[in-house]
Protein backbone atom coordinates (compact mmCIF):
# COMPACT_ATOMS: atom_id res chain seq x y z
CA MET A 1 -25.09 -21.42 21.35
CA LEU A 2 -21.23 -20.30 20.72
CA LYS A 3 -21.51 -16.82 19.46
CA ASN A 4 -24.76 -14.42 18.78
CA TRP A 5 -24.45 -13.81 15.26
CA GLN A 6 -26.98 -11.06 15.26
CA ASN A 7 -25.73 -9.15 17.92
CA ILE A 8 -22.12 -9.64 16.04
CA ALA A 9 -23.91 -8.26 12.79
CA THR A 10 -25.54 -5.28 14.70
CA GLU A 11 -22.68 -3.99 16.95
CA MET A 12 -20.18 -4.31 13.93
CA SER A 13 -22.57 -2.13 11.91
CA VAL A 14 -22.22 0.49 14.59
CA LEU A 15 -18.47 0.42 14.62
CA LEU A 16 -18.17 0.78 10.73
CA LYS A 17 -20.34 3.66 10.81
CA GLU A 18 -17.44 5.34 12.52
CA VAL A 19 -15.32 4.48 9.60
CA ARG A 20 -17.91 5.42 6.88
CA THR A 21 -18.14 8.86 8.96
CA GLY A 22 -14.41 9.20 8.90
CA ALA A 23 -13.43 8.05 5.20
CA PRO A 24 -16.70 8.79 3.53
CA ASP A 25 -15.15 8.79 -0.03
CA ALA A 26 -13.30 5.69 0.39
CA MET A 27 -16.48 3.73 2.20
CA LYS A 28 -18.56 5.19 -0.92
CA GLY A 29 -16.31 3.42 -3.00
CA PHE A 30 -16.38 0.16 -1.19
CA SER A 31 -20.28 0.40 -1.21
CA GLN A 32 -20.08 0.47 -5.07
CA LEU A 33 -17.63 -2.10 -5.32
CA ALA A 34 -19.90 -4.21 -2.92
CA ALA A 35 -22.95 -3.55 -5.06
CA GLY A 36 -21.33 -4.24 -8.31
CA ALA A 37 -19.75 -7.44 -7.16
CA LEU A 38 -23.34 -8.41 -5.80
CA LYS A 39 -25.48 -7.47 -8.61
CA ALA A 40 -27.29 -10.54 -10.51
CA GLY A 41 -25.72 -11.25 -13.65
CA ALA A 42 -24.14 -14.57 -14.97
CA LEU A 43 -24.00 -15.22 -11.14
CA ASP A 44 -27.27 -14.71 -9.24
CA THR A 45 -26.96 -12.52 -6.00
CA LYS A 46 -27.49 -15.77 -3.79
CA THR A 47 -24.92 -17.77 -5.56
CA LYS A 48 -22.43 -14.71 -4.94
CA GLU A 49 -23.02 -14.45 -0.96
CA LEU A 50 -22.72 -18.50 -0.84
CA ILE A 51 -19.45 -17.38 -2.28
CA ALA A 52 -18.71 -14.69 -0.02
CA MET A 53 -19.49 -16.93 2.89
CA ALA A 54 -16.98 -19.46 1.75
CA ILE A 55 -14.30 -16.49 1.69
CA SER A 56 -15.16 -15.41 5.18
CA VAL A 57 -14.87 -18.97 6.61
CA THR A 58 -11.56 -19.66 4.98
CA VAL A 59 -10.40 -15.92 5.76
CA ARG A 60 -11.96 -16.71 9.47
CA CYS A 61 -13.88 -13.37 9.41
CA ASP A 62 -16.40 -13.39 12.42
CA PRO A 63 -18.36 -10.14 11.21
CA CYS A 64 -18.09 -11.20 7.23
CA ILE A 65 -19.64 -14.42 8.52
CA ALA A 66 -22.48 -12.90 10.29
CA PHE A 67 -23.22 -10.55 7.53
CA HIS A 68 -22.90 -13.07 4.67
CA ALA A 69 -24.99 -15.35 6.69
CA LYS A 70 -27.58 -12.81 7.03
CA ALA A 71 -27.57 -11.89 3.02
CA ALA A 72 -27.42 -15.32 1.93
CA ARG A 73 -30.71 -15.98 4.09
CA ALA A 74 -32.08 -13.28 2.56
CA ALA A 75 -31.45 -14.05 -0.76
CA GLY A 76 -33.11 -17.47 -0.25
CA ALA A 77 -30.08 -19.40 0.19
CA THR A 78 -31.23 -22.78 1.95
CA ARG A 79 -29.42 -24.72 4.70
CA GLU A 80 -28.39 -27.32 2.43
CA GLU A 81 -26.61 -25.04 0.40
CA LEU A 82 -24.88 -23.59 2.80
CA LEU A 83 -23.61 -26.74 3.98
CA GLU A 84 -22.46 -27.33 0.50
CA THR A 85 -20.47 -24.28 0.37
CA VAL A 86 -18.90 -24.51 3.62
CA ALA A 87 -17.74 -28.01 2.60
CA THR A 88 -15.91 -26.56 -0.16
CA ALA A 89 -14.54 -23.84 2.11
CA ILE A 90 -13.22 -26.59 4.34
CA TYR A 91 -11.63 -28.40 1.52
CA MET A 92 -9.66 -24.89 0.33
CA GLY A 93 -8.87 -23.82 3.91
CA ALA A 94 -8.38 -27.49 5.93
CA GLY A 95 -8.87 -27.51 9.72
CA PRO A 96 -9.44 -23.90 10.40
CA ALA A 97 -11.97 -23.55 8.02
CA TYR A 98 -13.74 -26.70 9.61
CA MET A 99 -13.95 -24.75 12.88
CA TYR A 100 -15.22 -21.52 10.74
CA ALA A 101 -17.71 -23.52 8.87
CA ALA A 102 -19.38 -24.71 12.10
CA GLN A 103 -19.86 -21.39 13.29
CA ALA A 104 -20.97 -20.16 9.98
CA ILE A 105 -24.05 -22.85 10.06
CA GLU A 106 -24.70 -21.58 13.46
CA ALA A 107 -24.97 -18.14 12.08
CA PHE A 108 -27.03 -18.92 8.97
CA ASP A 109 -29.39 -20.91 11.42
CA GLN A 110 -29.90 -17.71 13.78
CA PHE A 111 -31.10 -15.41 10.89
CA GLU A 112 -34.10 -17.72 10.20
CA PRO A 113 -36.99 -15.45 10.11
CA ALA A 114 -39.28 -16.16 13.05
CA ALA A 115 -42.24 -18.30 12.52
CA PRO A 116 -45.49 -16.61 12.18
CA ALA A 117 -47.45 -16.46 15.48
CA ALA A 118 -50.18 -18.76 15.98
CA GLU A 119 -53.72 -17.21 15.59
């Protein structure tokens, strides 16, 4: 395992709380923007999360990858859909995107729900 993506998401959430507390009006605006952008419309939320993942890969943002891997998984994205998404990101972002695409797959896999315990 290259990185622990669940820890990245958790630790970044703690750091972001500091920003939300220090700049509440701006962060409320950002939260509204995010909610509006991800709201299902012509594109469903899963598709929008996959787009966000592709952008996260091409701009090389580790915390973004962690957050959108978790959100894409929660929105019902499959590993196959993620692989097609990162392939498009690689096409648009070349070699550096290829390196981050591998990390995006690792992050997505780490957010797989735990298998139910055997009874």
